[in-house]
């Protein structure tokens, strides 16, 4: 890190080559740039000479880097010997949208499924089971004609479980 003396000290951190790819959006134009350094208040970027002619000075630019969108303004320019232009950018504000938590999409699409052991699902299950068993009672079920069918279904289920356990043991 290189320290610079000005009204207050701040540090510029070099950015590695694999993380240096970014682009500027100036109105509707997009210019590919290479981030060189970052600090708490801005960036230093490198721009090809051809792309530097397309830059409009005096208005804020949008810097897109690593999923972040930042509003920046040019502070200084330096023509390098290799033909590229080095530009000092001052960070104005962060325009990166915050991550969406929840939202209108159903849980099936937004999160991996986890078992839901909430009390509402337990109450609903018990209510449906109580209703089915009440229809199987001899007094109510005989009048509605559901008693024999539900009893045979429960006996079949019980017999299947019993035979599966017997074969397993």
Protein backbone atom coordinates (compact mmCIF):
# COMPACT_ATOMS: atom_id res chain seq x y z
CA UNK A 1 0.00 0.00 0.00
CA UNK A 2 1.22 3.45 -0.85
CA UNK A 3 0.44 6.36 1.44
CA UNK A 4 -0.11 9.82 -0.03
CA UNK A 5 0.07 13.05 1.92
CA UNK A 6 -2.75 15.52 1.48
CA UNK A 7 -5.21 17.14 3.89
CA UNK A 8 -5.73 13.68 5.40
CA UNK A 9 -3.75 10.50 4.89
CA UNK A 10 -5.31 7.68 2.92
CA UNK A 11 -4.05 4.50 1.35
CA UNK A 12 -4.28 3.24 -2.21
CA UNK A 13 -4.41 -0.52 -2.62
CA UNK A 14 -3.30 -2.11 -5.89
CA UNK A 15 -5.84 -4.40 -7.57
CA UNK A 16 -4.70 -7.75 -8.97
CA UNK A 17 -4.86 -8.31 -12.72
CA UNK A 18 -7.52 -11.03 -12.48
CA UNK A 19 -9.86 -8.69 -10.54
CA UNK A 20 -9.12 -5.53 -12.51
CA UNK A 21 -11.68 -5.87 -15.32
CA UNK A 22 -14.44 -3.25 -15.10
CA UNK A 23 -16.36 -0.88 -17.32
CA UNK A 24 -17.61 2.67 -17.29
CA UNK A 25 -21.06 3.69 -18.42
CA UNK A 26 -21.26 7.23 -19.67
CA UNK A 27 -24.83 7.98 -20.68
CA UNK A 28 -25.52 5.14 -23.13
CA UNK A 29 -21.91 4.34 -23.95
CA UNK A 30 -19.91 1.57 -22.36
CA UNK A 31 -16.12 1.75 -22.08
CA UNK A 32 -13.99 -1.18 -20.91
CA UNK A 33 -11.43 -0.14 -18.29
CA UNK A 34 -8.83 -1.75 -16.07
CA UNK A 35 -8.86 -0.92 -12.36
CA UNK A 36 -5.38 -0.19 -11.13
CA UNK A 37 -5.81 1.02 -7.53
CA UNK A 38 -8.62 1.54 -5.04
CA UNK A 39 -8.93 3.73 -1.98
CA UNK A 40 -11.68 4.70 0.41
CA UNK A 41 -12.60 7.72 -1.69
CA UNK A 42 -11.96 6.56 -5.25
CA UNK A 43 -10.15 4.55 -7.91
CA UNK A 44 -7.38 4.80 -10.47
CA UNK A 45 -8.25 3.27 -13.83
CA UNK A 46 -6.49 2.68 -17.15
CA UNK A 47 -8.30 3.32 -20.42
CA UNK A 48 -7.15 2.70 -24.00
CA UNK A 49 -6.39 5.90 -25.91
CA UNK A 50 -9.14 5.17 -28.44
CA UNK A 51 -11.72 4.72 -25.68
CA UNK A 52 -10.47 7.82 -23.84
CA UNK A 53 -11.62 9.99 -26.75
CA UNK A 54 -15.20 8.79 -26.15
CA UNK A 55 -15.26 9.97 -22.52
CA UNK A 56 -17.41 12.96 -21.64
CA UNK A 57 -15.98 15.11 -18.91
CA UNK A 58 -18.02 17.08 -16.39
CA UNK A 59 -20.76 14.60 -15.61
CA UNK A 60 -20.90 11.59 -13.29
CA UNK A 61 -20.04 8.16 -14.69
CA UNK A 62 -21.14 4.71 -13.55
CA UNK A 63 -18.32 2.30 -12.70
CA UNK A 64 -19.35 -1.37 -12.85
CA UNK A 65 -16.98 -3.75 -11.10
CA UNK A 66 -17.48 -7.15 -9.49
CA UNK A 67 -21.27 -6.82 -9.18
CA UNK A 68 -21.09 -3.30 -7.73
CA UNK A 69 -22.36 -0.13 -9.38
CA UNK A 70 -20.72 3.09 -8.25
CA UNK A 71 -21.29 6.67 -9.32
CA UNK A 72 -17.87 8.29 -9.88
CA UNK A 73 -16.47 11.53 -11.23
CA UNK A 74 -13.14 12.13 -12.96
CA UNK A 75 -10.59 14.04 -10.87
CA UNK A 76 -7.44 13.90 -13.00
CA UNK A 77 -6.04 12.46 -16.27
CA UNK A 78 -2.52 11.32 -17.13
CA UNK A 79 -1.33 10.22 -20.58
CA UNK A 80 0.97 7.19 -20.11
CA UNK A 81 3.92 6.45 -22.40
CA UNK A 82 2.26 3.24 -23.68
CA UNK A 83 -0.68 5.22 -25.10
CA UNK A 84 -3.16 4.44 -22.38
CA UNK A 85 -4.78 7.11 -20.24
CA UNK A 86 -4.70 6.88 -16.45
CA UNK A 87 -7.73 8.48 -14.77
CA UNK A 88 -8.31 9.26 -11.11
CA UNK A 89 -11.95 8.75 -10.13
CA UNK A 90 -13.67 10.05 -7.02
CA UNK A 91 -16.42 7.88 -5.55
CA UNK A 92 -19.67 9.83 -5.26
CA UNK A 93 -22.13 7.15 -4.13
CA UNK A 94 -22.84 3.44 -4.21
CA UNK A 95 -25.76 2.54 -6.50
CA UNK A 96 -25.55 -1.22 -6.01
CA UNK A 97 -29.06 -2.52 -5.30
CA UNK A 98 -29.36 -4.25 -1.94
CA UNK A 99 -29.86 -8.02 -2.00
CA UNK A 100 -33.49 -9.12 -2.16
CA UNK A 101 -34.59 -11.10 0.87
CA UNK A 102 -37.90 -12.86 0.42
CA UNK A 103 -39.76 -11.29 -2.47
CA UNK A 104 -42.73 -12.31 -4.57
CA UNK A 105 -41.25 -15.57 -5.88
CA UNK A 106 -42.49 -18.74 -4.19
CA UNK A 107 -40.06 -20.56 -1.93
CA UNK A 108 -39.81 -23.41 -4.42
CA UNK A 109 -37.79 -21.19 -6.76
CA UNK A 110 -35.84 -19.04 -4.30
CA UNK A 111 -34.54 -21.36 -1.57
CA UNK A 112 -33.69 -25.00 -1.14
CA UNK A 113 -36.53 -26.92 0.45
CA UNK A 114 -36.23 -27.57 4.16
CA UNK A 115 -38.72 -29.50 6.27
CA UNK A 116 -41.38 -27.28 7.80
CA UNK A 117 -42.20 -28.27 11.35
CA UNK A 118 -44.45 -25.33 12.12
CA UNK A 119 -47.46 -25.72 14.35
CA UNK A 120 -49.92 -24.66 11.63
CA UNK A 121 -49.07 -27.66 9.46
CA UNK A 122 -49.37 -29.93 12.49
CA UNK A 123 -52.83 -28.50 13.35
CA UNK A 124 -54.01 -28.93 9.76
CA UNK A 125 -52.79 -32.54 9.62
CA UNK A 126 -54.46 -33.38 12.92
CA UNK A 127 -57.70 -31.72 11.79
CA UNK A 128 -57.84 -33.71 8.54
CA UNK A 129 -57.04 -36.94 10.41
CA UNK A 130 -59.76 -36.25 13.02
CA UNK A 131 -62.30 -35.60 10.25
CA UNK A 132 -61.43 -38.84 8.44
CA UNK A 133 -61.58 -40.84 11.68
CA UNK A 134 -64.94 -39.27 12.61
CA UNK A 135 -66.30 -40.44 9.25
CA UNK A 136 -65.11 -43.95 10.16
CA UNK A 137 -67.06 -44.08 13.44
CA UNK A 138 -69.89 -46.63 13.44
CA UNK A 139 -72.71 -44.10 14.15
CA UNK A 140 -71.72 -41.31 11.71
CA UNK A 141 -70.00 -43.50 9.15
CA UNK A 142 -72.94 -45.94 8.90
CA UNK A 143 -75.39 -43.14 8.16
CA UNK A 144 -73.08 -41.64 5.50
CA UNK A 145 -71.88 -44.96 4.09
CA UNK A 146 -68.20 -44.21 4.68
CA UNK A 147 -67.50 -46.37 7.72
CA UNK A 148 -66.79 -49.66 5.95
CA UNK A 149 -64.61 -48.06 3.25
CA UNK A 150 -62.45 -46.08 5.71
CA UNK A 151 -62.15 -49.05 8.09
CA UNK A 152 -61.02 -51.32 5.24
CA UNK A 153 -58.47 -48.67 4.10
CA UNK A 154 -57.07 -48.34 7.64
CA UNK A 155 -56.95 -52.14 8.07
CA UNK A 156 -55.16 -52.48 4.70
CA UNK A 157 -52.64 -49.83 5.69
CA UNK A 158 -52.09 -51.44 9.09
CA UNK A 159 -51.69 -54.90 7.48
CA UNK A 160 -49.17 -53.55 4.95
CA UNK A 161 -47.08 -51.94 7.66
CA UNK A 162 -47.24 -55.07 9.80
CA UNK A 163 -46.13 -57.32 6.92
CA UNK A 164 -43.30 -54.93 5.99
CA UNK A 165 -42.03 -54.95 9.57
CA UNK A 166 -42.38 -58.74 9.72
CA UNK A 167 -40.32 -59.21 6.54
CA UNK A 168 -37.75 -56.71 7.72
CA UNK A 169 -37.19 -58.35 11.08
